Amino acid sequence: MNDDLYSGISHFIFVSDSITCADVIIIPGSSRIELAKQAYYLFNKGLAKYIVVSGSKNKKLKDTTEADFLKQSLTRKGLPQNSIIPERKARNTYENALFSLRKCQEHGINTNKIIIVCKNYHAQRVKLTFASVFKDSKIMISPVCDDSTITADNWYKDKYKYMIVMDEIKKIGIYMQKNEHTLLNPL
């Protein structure tokens, strides 16, 4: 199979930015411990003073929200509780962005520059969605490869990985159509 055939999709989906100091780190809802580990690493490097963890119930997490799971993971590593702000209502990527912005506003946290820690194959949808909500912010994506081991170099070599990436492309299209008024003319 010709790897060059898929390079455009890989380049589009797998976003990774140079990370500099920011006002806040945000983890959009997840049950993946890898995301908490990456946020912990960035926080300890002094790249932000706050972490917003977002997400409501998730069937993979029995009796807790994604936000509480992530907060608990971070506090177990020793992060101060007052640096971690949970947002427990978001059910999708758009709500992760919208409700995280509201939490930052409620807590007086600037959002000029934000770092978002997300799964690597989810990075483009996260960046587009957060850019539509955090319209005046510089958004930096710090992607994480989770235990699915999906990467820009291997997603098209395995049917399961291929389907996940194709589903992401489909979701980007759905988000663009569904939220056209928001994505094209941010709030």
Foldseek 3Di string as FASTA:
>chain_A
DDLVVLLVLLVQQQDAFDAAAFAEEEEEFDPFLQLLVVRLVCVVVVSYQAYEYEFADDVVDPPGTSQVNSLVSNVVVPDDSVRYHYHHDDDDLLCSLQSVVVSCVVVVTDQQEYEYEEARRLVNLNVLSNCLASVNHHYGYHHDHTPVNAHSRPQVVDPVSVVVSVVSVVVSVVCCVVCVVSSVPND
